[in-house]
N, C-alpha and C. Protein backbone atom coordinates (compact mmCIF):
# COMPACT_ATOMS: atom_id res chain seq x y z
N MET A 1 -59.35 -62.86 -31.48
CA MET A 1 -60.06 -62.28 -32.60
C MET A 1 -61.01 -63.32 -33.19
N MET A 2 -62.25 -62.91 -33.43
CA MET A 2 -63.25 -63.84 -33.96
C MET A 2 -63.03 -64.07 -35.45
N LYS A 3 -63.14 -65.31 -35.82
CA LYS A 3 -63.01 -65.74 -37.21
C LYS A 3 -64.17 -65.15 -38.02
N GLU A 4 -63.95 -64.95 -39.31
CA GLU A 4 -65.00 -64.47 -40.21
C GLU A 4 -65.48 -65.63 -41.07
N LEU A 5 -66.74 -65.63 -41.42
CA LEU A 5 -67.31 -66.65 -42.30
C LEU A 5 -67.26 -66.12 -43.72
N LEU A 6 -66.53 -66.81 -44.59
CA LEU A 6 -66.43 -66.43 -46.00
C LEU A 6 -67.15 -67.49 -46.83
N VAL A 7 -68.25 -67.08 -47.46
CA VAL A 7 -69.07 -67.99 -48.25
C VAL A 7 -69.16 -67.45 -49.67
N TYR A 8 -68.87 -68.32 -50.65
CA TYR A 8 -68.92 -67.97 -52.07
C TYR A 8 -70.04 -68.76 -52.75
N LYS A 9 -70.64 -68.15 -53.76
CA LYS A 9 -71.72 -68.80 -54.50
C LYS A 9 -71.46 -68.67 -55.99
N CYS A 10 -71.71 -69.78 -56.71
CA CYS A 10 -71.67 -69.75 -58.17
C CYS A 10 -73.03 -69.24 -58.66
N GLU A 11 -73.02 -68.16 -59.42
CA GLU A 11 -74.27 -67.57 -59.92
C GLU A 11 -74.87 -68.39 -61.06
N VAL A 12 -74.11 -69.36 -61.60
CA VAL A 12 -74.61 -70.19 -62.69
C VAL A 12 -75.35 -71.41 -62.15
N CYS A 13 -74.66 -72.21 -61.32
CA CYS A 13 -75.25 -73.48 -60.84
C CYS A 13 -75.74 -73.43 -59.40
N GLY A 14 -75.39 -72.38 -58.65
CA GLY A 14 -75.84 -72.26 -57.27
C GLY A 14 -74.94 -72.95 -56.25
N TYR A 15 -73.82 -73.50 -56.67
CA TYR A 15 -72.89 -74.18 -55.78
C TYR A 15 -72.42 -73.21 -54.71
N ILE A 16 -72.37 -73.66 -53.45
CA ILE A 16 -71.94 -72.84 -52.32
C ILE A 16 -70.63 -73.41 -51.78
N LEU A 17 -69.68 -72.53 -51.47
CA LEU A 17 -68.38 -72.95 -50.96
C LEU A 17 -68.01 -72.07 -49.78
N GLU A 18 -67.52 -72.68 -48.69
CA GLU A 18 -67.02 -71.93 -47.55
C GLU A 18 -65.51 -72.03 -47.51
N VAL A 19 -64.84 -70.91 -47.32
CA VAL A 19 -63.38 -70.90 -47.19
C VAL A 19 -63.05 -71.31 -45.76
N ILE A 20 -62.26 -72.36 -45.61
CA ILE A 20 -61.91 -72.85 -44.29
C ILE A 20 -60.59 -72.25 -43.82
N ASP A 21 -59.62 -72.12 -44.71
CA ASP A 21 -58.32 -71.57 -44.34
C ASP A 21 -57.88 -70.62 -45.44
N LEU A 22 -57.60 -69.38 -45.09
CA LEU A 22 -57.19 -68.40 -46.09
C LEU A 22 -55.78 -68.63 -46.60
N GLY A 23 -54.97 -69.33 -45.84
CA GLY A 23 -53.59 -69.50 -46.26
C GLY A 23 -52.86 -68.18 -46.19
N LYS A 24 -51.74 -68.08 -46.90
CA LYS A 24 -50.95 -66.85 -46.90
C LYS A 24 -51.10 -66.16 -48.24
N LYS A 25 -51.19 -64.83 -48.18
CA LYS A 25 -51.22 -64.06 -49.42
C LYS A 25 -49.82 -64.05 -50.01
N LYS A 26 -49.73 -64.10 -51.30
CA LYS A 26 -48.45 -64.15 -52.00
C LYS A 26 -48.14 -62.77 -52.57
N LEU A 27 -46.94 -62.30 -52.33
CA LEU A 27 -46.49 -61.04 -52.91
C LEU A 27 -45.88 -61.33 -54.27
N ILE A 28 -46.27 -60.57 -55.27
CA ILE A 28 -45.74 -60.72 -56.62
C ILE A 28 -45.00 -59.45 -56.97
N GLU A 29 -43.72 -59.58 -57.32
CA GLU A 29 -42.89 -58.43 -57.70
C GLU A 29 -42.70 -58.42 -59.21
N ASN A 30 -42.83 -57.24 -59.78
CA ASN A 30 -42.60 -57.05 -61.21
C ASN A 30 -41.71 -55.83 -61.40
N GLY A 31 -40.97 -55.82 -62.49
CA GLY A 31 -40.15 -54.66 -62.84
C GLY A 31 -38.70 -54.84 -62.47
N ASN A 32 -37.97 -53.70 -62.50
CA ASN A 32 -36.55 -53.72 -62.17
C ASN A 32 -36.30 -52.79 -60.99
N SER A 33 -35.04 -52.53 -60.69
CA SER A 33 -34.72 -51.71 -59.52
C SER A 33 -35.20 -50.27 -59.64
N PHE A 34 -35.40 -49.78 -60.86
CA PHE A 34 -35.87 -48.40 -61.05
C PHE A 34 -37.39 -48.30 -60.96
N SER A 35 -38.06 -49.34 -61.39
CA SER A 35 -39.52 -49.33 -61.41
C SER A 35 -40.03 -50.70 -60.98
N ARG A 36 -40.35 -50.83 -59.74
CA ARG A 36 -40.79 -52.12 -59.21
C ARG A 36 -42.20 -51.97 -58.63
N THR A 37 -43.06 -52.91 -58.95
CA THR A 37 -44.40 -52.93 -58.36
C THR A 37 -44.56 -54.23 -57.57
N ILE A 38 -45.24 -54.11 -56.48
CA ILE A 38 -45.53 -55.28 -55.65
C ILE A 38 -47.04 -55.34 -55.45
N THR A 39 -47.61 -56.47 -55.78
CA THR A 39 -49.05 -56.65 -55.59
C THR A 39 -49.29 -57.88 -54.73
N VAL A 40 -50.48 -57.95 -54.15
CA VAL A 40 -50.87 -59.10 -53.34
C VAL A 40 -51.83 -59.94 -54.17
N ALA A 41 -51.52 -61.22 -54.31
CA ALA A 41 -52.36 -62.12 -55.10
C ALA A 41 -53.29 -62.91 -54.17
N ASP A 42 -54.56 -62.91 -54.47
CA ASP A 42 -55.54 -63.73 -53.77
C ASP A 42 -56.03 -64.80 -54.73
N ALA A 43 -56.42 -65.93 -54.19
CA ALA A 43 -56.96 -66.99 -55.03
C ALA A 43 -58.28 -66.53 -55.63
N LYS A 44 -58.52 -66.92 -56.86
CA LYS A 44 -59.81 -66.66 -57.50
C LYS A 44 -60.56 -67.98 -57.54
N LEU A 45 -61.76 -67.98 -57.04
CA LEU A 45 -62.57 -69.18 -57.03
C LEU A 45 -63.44 -69.18 -58.28
N ILE A 46 -63.30 -70.22 -59.09
CA ILE A 46 -63.99 -70.31 -60.38
C ILE A 46 -64.93 -71.51 -60.35
N CYS A 47 -66.14 -71.33 -60.84
CA CYS A 47 -67.10 -72.43 -61.00
C CYS A 47 -67.87 -72.15 -62.29
N CYS A 48 -68.15 -73.16 -63.05
CA CYS A 48 -68.87 -73.02 -64.33
C CYS A 48 -68.19 -72.00 -65.24
N GLY A 49 -66.85 -71.88 -65.12
CA GLY A 49 -66.08 -70.99 -65.97
C GLY A 49 -66.15 -69.53 -65.58
N LYS A 50 -66.79 -69.20 -64.44
CA LYS A 50 -66.92 -67.80 -64.02
C LYS A 50 -66.49 -67.65 -62.57
N PRO A 51 -66.01 -66.46 -62.18
CA PRO A 51 -65.64 -66.24 -60.78
C PRO A 51 -66.86 -66.38 -59.86
N MET A 52 -66.64 -67.00 -58.71
CA MET A 52 -67.71 -67.13 -57.73
C MET A 52 -67.87 -65.80 -56.99
N THR A 53 -69.06 -65.54 -56.47
CA THR A 53 -69.38 -64.30 -55.78
C THR A 53 -69.25 -64.49 -54.27
N LEU A 54 -68.49 -63.60 -53.62
CA LEU A 54 -68.41 -63.61 -52.16
C LEU A 54 -69.71 -63.04 -51.63
N LEU A 55 -70.43 -63.82 -50.83
CA LEU A 55 -71.71 -63.37 -50.29
C LEU A 55 -71.48 -62.42 -49.13
N GLN A 56 -72.19 -61.33 -49.14
CA GLN A 56 -72.15 -60.37 -48.04
C GLN A 56 -73.39 -60.61 -47.19
N ALA A 57 -73.19 -60.82 -45.89
CA ALA A 57 -74.32 -61.12 -45.01
C ALA A 57 -75.16 -59.88 -44.78
N ASN A 58 -76.46 -60.04 -44.95
CA ASN A 58 -77.42 -59.00 -44.61
C ASN A 58 -77.66 -59.05 -43.10
N SER A 59 -78.01 -57.91 -42.52
CA SER A 59 -78.30 -57.90 -41.09
C SER A 59 -79.57 -57.14 -40.76
N VAL A 60 -80.24 -56.61 -41.78
CA VAL A 60 -81.48 -55.88 -41.58
C VAL A 60 -82.49 -56.46 -42.55
N ASP A 61 -83.67 -56.82 -42.04
CA ASP A 61 -84.69 -57.45 -42.87
C ASP A 61 -85.92 -56.55 -42.92
N ALA A 62 -86.20 -55.97 -44.09
CA ALA A 62 -87.34 -55.07 -44.23
C ALA A 62 -88.57 -55.81 -44.76
N SER A 63 -88.46 -57.10 -45.04
CA SER A 63 -89.59 -57.84 -45.60
C SER A 63 -90.47 -58.42 -44.49
N ASN A 64 -91.61 -58.94 -44.88
CA ASN A 64 -92.52 -59.57 -43.91
C ASN A 64 -91.93 -60.86 -43.38
N GLU A 65 -91.23 -61.62 -44.22
CA GLU A 65 -90.58 -62.84 -43.78
C GLU A 65 -89.24 -62.48 -43.18
N LYS A 66 -89.03 -62.86 -41.97
CA LYS A 66 -87.80 -62.48 -41.27
C LYS A 66 -86.69 -63.48 -41.55
N HIS A 67 -85.47 -62.95 -41.75
CA HIS A 67 -84.31 -63.78 -42.02
C HIS A 67 -83.19 -63.59 -41.01
N VAL A 68 -83.22 -62.51 -40.26
CA VAL A 68 -82.13 -62.21 -39.33
C VAL A 68 -82.13 -63.22 -38.18
N PRO A 69 -80.99 -63.89 -37.93
CA PRO A 69 -80.92 -64.85 -36.84
C PRO A 69 -81.13 -64.17 -35.48
N VAL A 70 -81.94 -64.80 -34.64
CA VAL A 70 -82.20 -64.32 -33.29
C VAL A 70 -81.46 -65.26 -32.33
N ILE A 71 -80.55 -64.69 -31.54
CA ILE A 71 -79.66 -65.47 -30.67
C ILE A 71 -80.15 -65.38 -29.24
N SER A 72 -80.22 -66.54 -28.56
CA SER A 72 -80.53 -66.54 -27.13
C SER A 72 -79.56 -67.47 -26.42
N PHE A 73 -79.12 -67.04 -25.23
CA PHE A 73 -78.15 -67.79 -24.43
C PHE A 73 -78.86 -68.51 -23.29
N ASN A 74 -78.39 -69.72 -22.99
CA ASN A 74 -78.87 -70.48 -21.84
C ASN A 74 -77.69 -71.28 -21.30
N GLY A 75 -77.00 -70.72 -20.32
CA GLY A 75 -75.80 -71.37 -19.78
C GLY A 75 -74.71 -71.43 -20.82
N ASP A 76 -74.22 -72.64 -21.11
CA ASP A 76 -73.15 -72.80 -22.10
C ASP A 76 -73.69 -73.19 -23.48
N THR A 77 -74.97 -72.94 -23.69
CA THR A 77 -75.63 -73.25 -24.97
C THR A 77 -76.21 -71.97 -25.57
N VAL A 78 -76.15 -71.87 -26.87
CA VAL A 78 -76.79 -70.77 -27.58
C VAL A 78 -77.78 -71.37 -28.57
N THR A 79 -78.97 -70.78 -28.64
CA THR A 79 -79.98 -71.21 -29.60
C THR A 79 -80.18 -70.09 -30.61
N VAL A 80 -80.23 -70.47 -31.89
CA VAL A 80 -80.43 -69.51 -32.97
C VAL A 80 -81.74 -69.86 -33.66
N LYS A 81 -82.66 -68.91 -33.68
CA LYS A 81 -83.91 -69.04 -34.42
C LYS A 81 -83.86 -68.04 -35.55
N VAL A 82 -84.29 -68.45 -36.72
CA VAL A 82 -84.22 -67.56 -37.88
C VAL A 82 -85.49 -66.74 -37.97
N GLY A 83 -85.35 -65.46 -37.67
CA GLY A 83 -86.44 -64.50 -37.74
C GLY A 83 -87.19 -64.36 -36.44
N SER A 84 -87.83 -63.22 -36.29
CA SER A 84 -88.68 -63.00 -35.12
C SER A 84 -89.99 -63.76 -35.28
N VAL A 85 -90.33 -64.13 -36.50
CA VAL A 85 -91.40 -65.08 -36.80
C VAL A 85 -90.74 -66.19 -37.61
N ASN A 86 -91.21 -67.41 -37.47
CA ASN A 86 -90.55 -68.54 -38.14
C ASN A 86 -90.47 -68.36 -39.65
N HIS A 87 -89.30 -68.62 -40.18
CA HIS A 87 -89.07 -68.59 -41.62
C HIS A 87 -89.75 -69.80 -42.24
N PRO A 88 -90.29 -69.68 -43.46
CA PRO A 88 -90.87 -70.85 -44.13
C PRO A 88 -89.81 -71.95 -44.31
N MET A 89 -90.25 -73.19 -44.27
CA MET A 89 -89.33 -74.33 -44.47
C MET A 89 -89.95 -75.29 -45.48
N THR A 90 -90.23 -74.77 -46.68
CA THR A 90 -90.78 -75.57 -47.76
C THR A 90 -89.65 -75.92 -48.73
N PRO A 91 -89.84 -76.93 -49.59
CA PRO A 91 -88.79 -77.25 -50.56
C PRO A 91 -88.40 -76.06 -51.45
N GLU A 92 -89.35 -75.16 -51.70
CA GLU A 92 -89.09 -74.02 -52.58
C GLU A 92 -88.42 -72.85 -51.86
N HIS A 93 -88.61 -72.76 -50.54
CA HIS A 93 -88.11 -71.60 -49.77
C HIS A 93 -87.79 -72.06 -48.36
N LEU A 94 -86.48 -72.13 -48.06
CA LEU A 94 -86.09 -72.63 -46.75
C LEU A 94 -84.73 -72.10 -46.32
N ILE A 95 -84.47 -72.23 -45.04
CA ILE A 95 -83.15 -71.98 -44.49
C ILE A 95 -82.36 -73.27 -44.67
N LYS A 96 -81.27 -73.21 -45.44
CA LYS A 96 -80.47 -74.40 -45.74
C LYS A 96 -79.54 -74.77 -44.59
N TRP A 97 -79.01 -73.75 -43.88
CA TRP A 97 -78.15 -74.03 -42.75
C TRP A 97 -78.06 -72.84 -41.82
N ILE A 98 -77.70 -73.14 -40.58
CA ILE A 98 -77.43 -72.12 -39.56
C ILE A 98 -76.03 -72.41 -39.04
N ALA A 99 -75.22 -71.37 -38.87
CA ALA A 99 -73.86 -71.53 -38.34
C ALA A 99 -73.63 -70.51 -37.24
N VAL A 100 -72.81 -70.89 -36.26
CA VAL A 100 -72.37 -69.94 -35.23
C VAL A 100 -70.85 -69.88 -35.24
N LEU A 101 -70.34 -68.68 -35.05
CA LEU A 101 -68.91 -68.45 -34.89
C LEU A 101 -68.69 -67.90 -33.51
N TYR A 102 -67.70 -68.44 -32.82
CA TYR A 102 -67.34 -67.95 -31.50
C TYR A 102 -65.86 -68.24 -31.30
N GLY A 103 -65.12 -67.21 -30.91
CA GLY A 103 -63.66 -67.37 -30.82
C GLY A 103 -63.12 -67.77 -32.17
N ASP A 104 -62.36 -68.87 -32.21
CA ASP A 104 -61.82 -69.36 -33.49
C ASP A 104 -62.55 -70.62 -33.96
N ARG A 105 -63.78 -70.79 -33.50
CA ARG A 105 -64.55 -72.00 -33.83
C ARG A 105 -65.80 -71.68 -34.65
N ILE A 106 -66.21 -72.68 -35.45
CA ILE A 106 -67.44 -72.60 -36.24
C ILE A 106 -68.21 -73.90 -36.03
N GLN A 107 -69.52 -73.78 -35.83
CA GLN A 107 -70.39 -74.95 -35.84
C GLN A 107 -71.52 -74.65 -36.83
N ARG A 108 -71.98 -75.71 -37.50
CA ARG A 108 -73.04 -75.55 -38.50
C ARG A 108 -74.03 -76.70 -38.38
N VAL A 109 -75.31 -76.37 -38.59
CA VAL A 109 -76.37 -77.38 -38.67
C VAL A 109 -77.07 -77.18 -40.00
N GLU A 110 -77.17 -78.27 -40.77
CA GLU A 110 -77.88 -78.23 -42.04
C GLU A 110 -79.34 -78.57 -41.79
N LEU A 111 -80.23 -77.88 -42.50
CA LEU A 111 -81.67 -78.06 -42.32
C LEU A 111 -82.31 -78.51 -43.62
N GLU A 112 -83.50 -79.09 -43.49
CA GLU A 112 -84.26 -79.55 -44.65
C GLU A 112 -85.69 -79.03 -44.55
N ALA A 113 -86.41 -79.13 -45.66
CA ALA A 113 -87.82 -78.74 -45.67
C ALA A 113 -88.55 -79.51 -44.57
N GLY A 114 -89.42 -78.81 -43.85
CA GLY A 114 -90.17 -79.43 -42.76
C GLY A 114 -89.51 -79.27 -41.40
N ASP A 115 -88.19 -79.01 -41.36
CA ASP A 115 -87.50 -78.77 -40.09
C ASP A 115 -87.93 -77.42 -39.53
N SER A 116 -87.71 -77.23 -38.25
CA SER A 116 -87.89 -75.92 -37.65
C SER A 116 -86.65 -75.08 -37.97
N PRO A 117 -86.82 -73.81 -38.29
CA PRO A 117 -85.66 -72.97 -38.65
C PRO A 117 -84.89 -72.50 -37.42
N GLU A 118 -84.35 -73.46 -36.67
CA GLU A 118 -83.58 -73.13 -35.47
C GLU A 118 -82.59 -74.23 -35.17
N ALA A 119 -81.58 -73.90 -34.36
CA ALA A 119 -80.56 -74.87 -33.97
C ALA A 119 -79.93 -74.41 -32.66
N SER A 120 -79.47 -75.38 -31.87
CA SER A 120 -78.78 -75.09 -30.61
C SER A 120 -77.35 -75.57 -30.71
N PHE A 121 -76.45 -74.83 -30.06
CA PHE A 121 -75.02 -75.11 -30.13
C PHE A 121 -74.40 -74.98 -28.74
N HIS A 122 -73.50 -75.89 -28.40
CA HIS A 122 -72.74 -75.81 -27.16
C HIS A 122 -71.54 -74.91 -27.42
N ILE A 123 -71.42 -73.80 -26.66
CA ILE A 123 -70.32 -72.85 -26.89
C ILE A 123 -69.42 -72.68 -25.67
N GLY A 124 -69.66 -73.43 -24.62
CA GLY A 124 -68.81 -73.33 -23.43
C GLY A 124 -68.91 -71.96 -22.80
N SER A 125 -67.77 -71.40 -22.45
CA SER A 125 -67.75 -70.12 -21.73
C SER A 125 -67.66 -68.91 -22.65
N GLU A 126 -67.73 -69.11 -23.97
CA GLU A 126 -67.66 -67.97 -24.90
C GLU A 126 -68.78 -66.99 -24.62
N ARG A 127 -68.49 -65.72 -24.81
CA ARG A 127 -69.47 -64.68 -24.51
C ARG A 127 -69.92 -63.90 -25.76
N ASN A 128 -69.17 -64.01 -26.85
CA ASN A 128 -69.47 -63.26 -28.06
C ASN A 128 -69.74 -64.25 -29.19
N VAL A 129 -70.90 -64.15 -29.82
CA VAL A 129 -71.32 -65.10 -30.85
C VAL A 129 -71.84 -64.36 -32.07
N LYS A 130 -71.42 -64.84 -33.26
CA LYS A 130 -72.03 -64.41 -34.51
C LYS A 130 -72.84 -65.58 -35.04
N ALA A 131 -74.05 -65.32 -35.48
CA ALA A 131 -74.89 -66.38 -36.05
C ALA A 131 -75.19 -66.03 -37.50
N TYR A 132 -75.11 -67.05 -38.37
CA TYR A 132 -75.39 -66.90 -39.79
C TYR A 132 -76.50 -67.87 -40.17
N ALA A 133 -77.34 -67.45 -41.10
CA ALA A 133 -78.37 -68.31 -41.67
C ALA A 133 -78.36 -68.10 -43.18
N TYR A 134 -78.51 -69.21 -43.92
CA TYR A 134 -78.53 -69.10 -45.38
C TYR A 134 -79.89 -69.52 -45.92
N CYS A 135 -80.59 -68.58 -46.55
CA CYS A 135 -81.89 -68.82 -47.18
C CYS A 135 -81.64 -69.11 -48.67
N ASN A 136 -82.26 -70.16 -49.18
CA ASN A 136 -82.03 -70.52 -50.58
C ASN A 136 -82.52 -69.45 -51.56
N LEU A 137 -83.43 -68.58 -51.15
CA LEU A 137 -83.92 -67.52 -52.05
C LEU A 137 -83.33 -66.14 -51.74
N HIS A 138 -83.05 -65.86 -50.47
CA HIS A 138 -82.68 -64.51 -50.07
C HIS A 138 -81.26 -64.38 -49.52
N GLY A 139 -80.46 -65.44 -49.64
CA GLY A 139 -79.04 -65.34 -49.33
C GLY A 139 -78.66 -65.45 -47.87
N LEU A 140 -77.51 -64.84 -47.56
CA LEU A 140 -76.87 -64.98 -46.26
C LEU A 140 -77.27 -63.85 -45.31
N TRP A 141 -77.55 -64.24 -44.05
CA TRP A 141 -77.98 -63.30 -43.02
C TRP A 141 -77.13 -63.50 -41.78
N MET A 142 -76.89 -62.43 -41.01
CA MET A 142 -76.02 -62.51 -39.85
C MET A 142 -76.51 -61.60 -38.74
N SER A 143 -76.28 -62.04 -37.50
CA SER A 143 -76.46 -61.18 -36.33
C SER A 143 -75.38 -61.54 -35.33
N GLN A 144 -75.22 -60.68 -34.34
CA GLN A 144 -74.18 -60.87 -33.34
C GLN A 144 -74.76 -60.54 -31.97
N ALA A 145 -74.32 -61.29 -30.94
CA ALA A 145 -74.81 -61.05 -29.59
C ALA A 145 -73.72 -61.37 -28.59
N ASN A 146 -73.80 -60.72 -27.44
CA ASN A 146 -72.90 -60.97 -26.32
C ASN A 146 -73.71 -61.51 -25.15
N LYS A 147 -73.12 -62.45 -24.44
CA LYS A 147 -73.77 -63.06 -23.28
C LYS A 147 -73.81 -62.06 -22.14
């Protein structure tokens, strides 16, 4: 089963956090033998005194600037380019990182202004890949491809 990328953002300061291990959900029991409730407790991620927002990856781009990762395979390497036309890479508007998920593994490349909005990853014999790209203005984007 392929791992999922869980990314949270603080809407106040812009801090980004990736969940690496979900751990175990805790069951909480309340009441007595006649009236008992059981709920599942999940951790709440707080930043700047407010709950962080779980980012939902977009996969369709209706704007002129393309954000959807384009995946291409070459042997045991996968290359991810952001958009069918290159995404801007200025200090004000850029792709901050590209990540690939395959099997139970994640690889990420961080990018800076002036870089090309693409990255290559060695994935071995994996055949199914999810690619994510994070734009500082337009959020998280995802696509999936099979070799």
